[in-house]
Amino acid sequence: MFLGEYEYKIDDKGRVPIPPKFRRDLKDGLVLAPGPEACIVAYGLAEWTKMSESLPAGSLAPSKVRRLSRATFATAFSLTLDGQGRVALPITLREYARIGDELVVVGVNTYLEMWNRELWVAEKAAAQEQAWQIIEGLERR
């Protein structure tokens, strides 16, 4: 389980450290992809495989499955941590997430998110504000 938030600087080669407590879970590699809210998502290989196997499930039309597969897999990168626990962030993902020299790595249960610091501050505030509304909606069911 990935928990917490961690601020890092990106080095001149575009590498960012992965929080030490998460490295063991990512030792076999990780997949980075654009997240839905202008962030980078990072999955361990096992979790990425589980998520990818669930995509075509359900009642989606084949054309929608193809489009979703393109959006998901064509923009993803399979990477490994270097000897110092860092990962090189692809330029296309950094540009997508508007990440410059600094970022925030956020644990989101089964995966990580990497955010531009200012965007993360806004997203965290919105998520915390809406969390209670979402919980209350669940309790009524």
Protein backbone atom coordinates (compact mmCIF):
# COMPACT_ATOMS: atom_id res chain seq x y z
CA MET A 1 0.00 0.00 0.00
CA PHE A 2 1.36 3.41 -0.99
CA LEU A 3 0.62 6.22 1.48
CA GLY A 4 1.73 9.82 2.05
CA GLU A 5 3.21 12.65 0.04
CA TYR A 6 6.87 13.42 -0.60
CA GLU A 7 8.47 16.47 -2.22
CA TYR A 8 11.50 16.01 -4.48
CA LYS A 9 13.70 17.93 -6.87
CA ILE A 10 14.38 16.51 -10.30
CA ASP A 11 18.06 16.29 -11.20
CA ASP A 12 19.59 17.67 -14.40
CA LYS A 13 19.13 14.29 -16.13
CA GLY A 14 15.38 14.24 -15.40
CA ARG A 15 15.59 11.67 -12.62
CA VAL A 16 13.51 11.69 -9.46
CA PRO A 17 13.98 9.52 -6.37
CA ILE A 18 11.19 7.15 -5.46
CA PRO A 19 10.45 7.32 -1.73
CA PRO A 20 12.66 4.69 -0.05
CA LYS A 21 9.74 2.85 1.61
CA PHE A 22 8.20 2.18 -1.85
CA ARG A 23 11.32 0.95 -3.64
CA ARG A 24 11.00 -2.67 -2.55
CA ASP A 25 7.51 -2.86 -4.09
CA LEU A 26 8.85 -1.40 -7.35
CA LYS A 27 12.12 -3.34 -7.58
CA ASP A 28 10.87 -5.35 -10.56
CA GLY A 29 10.06 -2.16 -12.45
CA LEU A 30 7.23 0.26 -12.85
CA VAL A 31 5.01 1.74 -15.52
CA LEU A 32 4.53 5.49 -15.81
CA ALA A 33 1.54 6.89 -17.69
CA PRO A 34 -0.45 10.12 -17.91
CA GLY A 35 -3.04 10.32 -15.15
CA PRO A 36 -6.53 11.67 -15.72
CA GLU A 37 -5.92 14.88 -13.73
CA ALA A 38 -2.69 16.28 -15.23
CA CYS A 39 -0.38 14.08 -13.17
CA ILE A 40 1.80 11.06 -13.85
CA VAL A 41 0.63 7.71 -12.46
CA ALA A 42 3.17 5.06 -11.49
CA TYR A 43 2.17 1.41 -11.13
CA GLY A 44 4.27 -1.55 -10.05
CA LEU A 45 4.35 -4.20 -12.78
CA ALA A 46 1.94 -6.57 -11.00
CA GLU A 47 -0.62 -3.81 -10.39
CA TRP A 48 -0.26 -2.52 -13.98
CA THR A 49 -0.88 -6.04 -15.29
CA LYS A 50 -3.96 -6.42 -13.08
CA MET A 51 -5.30 -3.03 -14.19
CA SER A 52 -4.58 -3.69 -17.87
CA GLU A 53 -6.31 -7.09 -17.78
CA SER A 54 -9.45 -5.46 -16.42
CA LEU A 55 -9.70 -2.83 -19.21
CA PRO A 56 -11.45 -4.88 -21.90
CA ALA A 57 -13.81 -6.43 -19.36
CA GLY A 58 -17.38 -5.24 -19.30
CA SER A 59 -19.80 -4.12 -21.93
CA LEU A 60 -17.70 -1.63 -23.90
CA ALA A 61 -17.96 -1.68 -27.68
CA PRO A 62 -14.82 -3.02 -29.40
CA SER A 63 -14.09 0.41 -30.90
CA LYS A 64 -14.14 1.97 -27.43
CA VAL A 65 -11.84 -0.76 -26.07
CA ARG A 66 -9.38 -0.04 -28.90
CA ARG A 67 -9.49 3.70 -28.22
CA LEU A 68 -9.06 3.19 -24.47
CA SER A 69 -6.18 0.78 -25.09
CA ARG A 70 -4.44 3.31 -27.33
CA ALA A 71 -4.87 6.08 -24.77
CA THR A 72 -3.59 3.83 -21.99
CA PHE A 73 -0.72 1.87 -23.52
CA ALA A 74 0.67 4.11 -26.27
CA THR A 75 1.43 6.83 -23.74
CA ALA A 76 2.90 4.56 -21.03
CA PHE A 77 6.56 3.84 -20.29
CA SER A 78 8.00 0.72 -18.67
CA LEU A 79 11.02 1.67 -16.53
CA THR A 80 13.27 0.38 -13.79
CA LEU A 81 14.76 2.11 -10.78
CA ASP A 82 18.47 2.85 -10.96
CA GLY A 83 20.89 1.79 -8.24
CA GLN A 84 20.02 4.87 -6.19
CA GLY A 85 16.25 4.30 -6.34
CA ARG A 86 15.59 6.94 -9.00
CA VAL A 87 13.53 6.82 -12.16
CA ALA A 88 14.04 8.96 -15.25
CA LEU A 89 10.82 10.81 -16.09
CA PRO A 90 10.12 10.89 -19.83
CA ILE A 91 9.88 14.45 -21.19
CA THR A 92 6.42 13.86 -22.68
CA LEU A 93 5.03 12.90 -19.27
CA ARG A 94 6.76 15.82 -17.55
CA GLU A 95 5.27 18.22 -20.08
CA TYR A 96 1.81 16.67 -19.76
CA ALA A 97 1.87 17.01 -15.96
CA ARG A 98 3.52 20.48 -16.10
CA ILE A 99 6.36 19.24 -13.90
CA GLY A 100 9.45 21.45 -13.84
CA ASP A 101 12.29 21.10 -11.36
CA GLU A 102 10.19 19.92 -8.42
CA LEU A 103 7.35 17.50 -7.90
CA VAL A 104 5.30 15.80 -5.25
CA VAL A 105 5.09 11.99 -5.16
CA VAL A 106 1.78 10.91 -3.68
CA GLY A 107 0.83 7.43 -2.47
CA VAL A 108 -2.66 6.49 -3.65
CA ASN A 109 -3.15 3.01 -2.18
CA THR A 110 -2.15 0.70 -5.07
CA TYR A 111 -0.21 3.20 -7.18
CA LEU A 112 1.70 6.48 -7.01
CA GLU A 113 0.96 9.85 -8.56
CA MET A 114 3.54 12.50 -9.45
CA TRP A 115 2.32 16.08 -9.43
CA ASN A 116 3.41 19.61 -10.15
CA ARG A 117 3.52 21.07 -6.64
CA GLU A 118 1.01 23.87 -7.26
CA LEU A 119 -1.43 21.56 -9.04
CA TRP A 120 -1.12 19.06 -6.16
CA VAL A 121 -1.93 21.71 -3.55
CA ALA A 122 -5.12 22.59 -5.45
CA GLU A 123 -6.08 18.95 -6.07
CA LYS A 124 -5.47 17.97 -2.45
CA ALA A 125 -7.67 20.82 -1.22
CA ALA A 126 -10.47 19.86 -3.62
CA ALA A 127 -10.19 16.16 -2.73
CA GLN A 128 -10.31 16.86 1.00
CA GLU A 129 -13.29 19.18 0.58
CA GLN A 130 -15.24 16.64 -1.48
CA ALA A 131 -14.25 13.53 0.48
CA TRP A 132 -16.87 14.08 3.18
CA GLN A 133 -19.57 14.66 0.58
CA ILE A 134 -18.61 11.43 -1.15
CA ILE A 135 -18.58 9.51 2.16
CA GLU A 136 -22.00 10.87 3.08
CA GLY A 137 -23.32 9.76 -0.30
CA LEU A 138 -22.02 6.24 0.31
CA GLU A 139 -23.66 6.07 3.73
CA ARG A 140 -27.12 6.67 2.23
CA ARG A 141 -26.97 3.58 0.07
